[in-house]
Amino acid sequence: MSAARKIEQFIQTDKSSVFLQGNLQNIFDALYYLGIIDPVLEMDWDEALTIMPNYSDEVHGLIQMVNEFKGSGEELAEVLKSYDERTLGYLAMEVAREFADFHAREELH
């Protein structure tokens, strides 16, 4: 099973789950500024996705907070500093999945 499909299944396991909304580029930029993106690209996603359900409350809460955030990418980065690196990594994985889905739809049209 692909990593994107595992993330999608994780996000959909809970009826209260939410998807990222708003400006994905701002979220990506904030995560990149914090140094989260490169380690996520280098990690073993299969292993990370296996333990991801253990952090579902934290990840869902972070996604909800990001969706409600109204500031700039720089302001978002300041807020994200208070979260642990693992949870931010899972957010980065979701951003990657959303970007991939967007580009896949764009190429179909």
Protein backbone atom coordinates (compact mmCIF):
# COMPACT_ATOMS: atom_id res chain seq x y z
CA MET A 1 0.00 0.00 0.00
CA SER A 2 1.33 3.43 -0.88
CA ALA A 3 2.29 5.94 1.81
CA ALA A 4 -0.35 8.37 0.53
CA ARG A 5 -3.05 5.71 0.91
CA LYS A 6 -1.89 4.89 4.47
CA ILE A 7 -2.08 8.57 5.43
CA GLU A 8 -5.53 8.83 3.87
CA GLN A 9 -6.73 5.76 5.79
CA PHE A 10 -5.33 7.18 9.03
CA ILE A 11 -7.04 10.53 8.52
CA GLN A 12 -10.34 8.79 7.71
CA THR A 13 -10.32 6.39 10.69
CA ASP A 14 -12.10 8.87 12.93
CA LYS A 15 -15.39 10.60 12.10
CA SER A 16 -14.08 13.75 13.75
CA SER A 17 -11.03 13.83 11.49
CA VAL A 18 -10.39 16.78 9.25
CA PHE A 19 -8.42 17.43 6.10
CA LEU A 20 -6.10 20.33 5.60
CA GLN A 21 -7.82 23.41 4.28
CA GLY A 22 -6.48 26.73 3.19
CA ASN A 23 -3.07 27.65 1.88
CA LEU A 24 -0.93 24.50 1.70
CA GLN A 25 2.05 26.57 0.58
CA ASN A 26 1.96 28.58 3.82
CA ILE A 27 1.85 25.38 5.85
CA PHE A 28 4.69 23.87 3.83
CA ASP A 29 6.77 27.05 4.15
CA ALA A 30 6.26 27.15 7.93
CA LEU A 31 7.29 23.49 8.25
CA TYR A 32 10.29 24.04 5.99
CA TYR A 33 11.39 27.06 8.04
CA LEU A 34 11.25 24.89 11.17
CA GLY A 35 13.40 22.22 9.55
CA ILE A 36 10.67 19.57 9.47
CA ILE A 37 10.51 18.86 5.73
CA ASP A 38 13.96 17.39 5.04
CA PRO A 39 13.86 14.82 7.89
CA VAL A 40 10.37 13.75 6.77
CA LEU A 41 11.59 13.23 3.21
CA GLU A 42 14.42 11.05 4.51
CA MET A 43 12.41 8.98 7.03
CA ASP A 44 11.01 5.49 6.61
CA TRP A 45 7.37 6.36 5.94
CA ASP A 46 6.18 2.77 6.37
CA GLU A 47 7.51 2.72 9.92
CA ALA A 48 6.19 6.20 10.69
CA LEU A 49 2.74 5.33 9.33
CA THR A 50 2.64 2.15 11.40
CA ILE A 51 2.89 4.14 14.63
CA MET A 52 0.93 7.17 13.38
CA PRO A 53 -2.39 5.96 14.92
CA ASN A 54 -0.79 6.27 18.38
CA TYR A 55 -0.69 10.03 17.81
CA SER A 56 -4.09 10.50 16.18
CA ASP A 57 -5.40 12.93 18.80
CA GLU A 58 -2.34 15.15 18.49
CA VAL A 59 -2.32 15.05 14.68
CA HIS A 60 -6.04 15.74 14.36
CA GLY A 61 -5.78 18.59 16.86
CA LEU A 62 -2.86 20.10 14.95
CA ILE A 63 -4.68 19.83 11.62
CA GLN A 64 -7.72 21.51 13.15
CA MET A 65 -5.57 24.31 14.59
CA VAL A 66 -3.83 24.86 11.24
CA ASN A 67 -7.20 24.96 9.45
CA GLU A 68 -8.44 27.64 11.85
CA PHE A 69 -5.23 29.70 11.73
CA LYS A 70 -5.65 33.05 9.98
CA GLY A 71 -2.11 34.49 10.09
CA SER A 72 0.84 34.45 7.70
CA GLY A 73 3.26 31.58 7.13
CA GLU A 74 5.77 33.26 9.44
CA GLU A 75 3.17 33.60 12.18
CA LEU A 76 2.16 29.97 11.68
CA ALA A 77 5.80 28.89 12.07
CA GLU A 78 5.93 30.68 15.42
CA VAL A 79 2.83 28.82 16.62
CA LEU A 80 4.07 25.47 15.29
CA LYS A 81 7.28 25.81 17.34
CA SER A 82 5.28 24.73 20.39
CA TYR A 83 4.48 21.30 18.87
CA ASP A 84 6.74 18.27 19.02
CA GLU A 85 8.74 17.26 15.95
CA ARG A 86 6.94 13.94 15.45
CA THR A 87 3.50 15.56 15.27
CA LEU A 88 4.85 18.21 12.91
CA GLY A 89 6.32 15.42 10.79
CA TYR A 90 2.90 13.84 10.45
CA LEU A 91 1.51 17.23 9.45
CA ALA A 92 4.24 17.46 6.81
CA MET A 93 3.25 14.02 5.51
CA GLU A 94 -0.35 15.17 5.19
CA VAL A 95 0.77 18.33 3.36
CA ALA A 96 2.74 16.12 0.94
CA ARG A 97 -0.31 13.93 0.36
CA GLU A 98 -2.55 16.93 -0.27
CA PHE A 99 -0.02 18.44 -2.71
CA ALA A 100 0.27 15.10 -4.53
CA ASP A 101 -3.53 14.79 -4.78
CA PHE A 102 -3.81 18.35 -6.08
CA HIS A 103 -1.15 17.82 -8.74
CA ALA A 104 -2.64 14.47 -9.76
CA ARG A 105 -6.03 16.13 -10.33
CA GLU A 106 -4.36 18.99 -12.20
CA GLU A 107 -2.63 16.57 -14.59
CA LEU A 108 -5.92 14.77 -15.32
CA HIS A 109 -7.50 17.93 -16.69
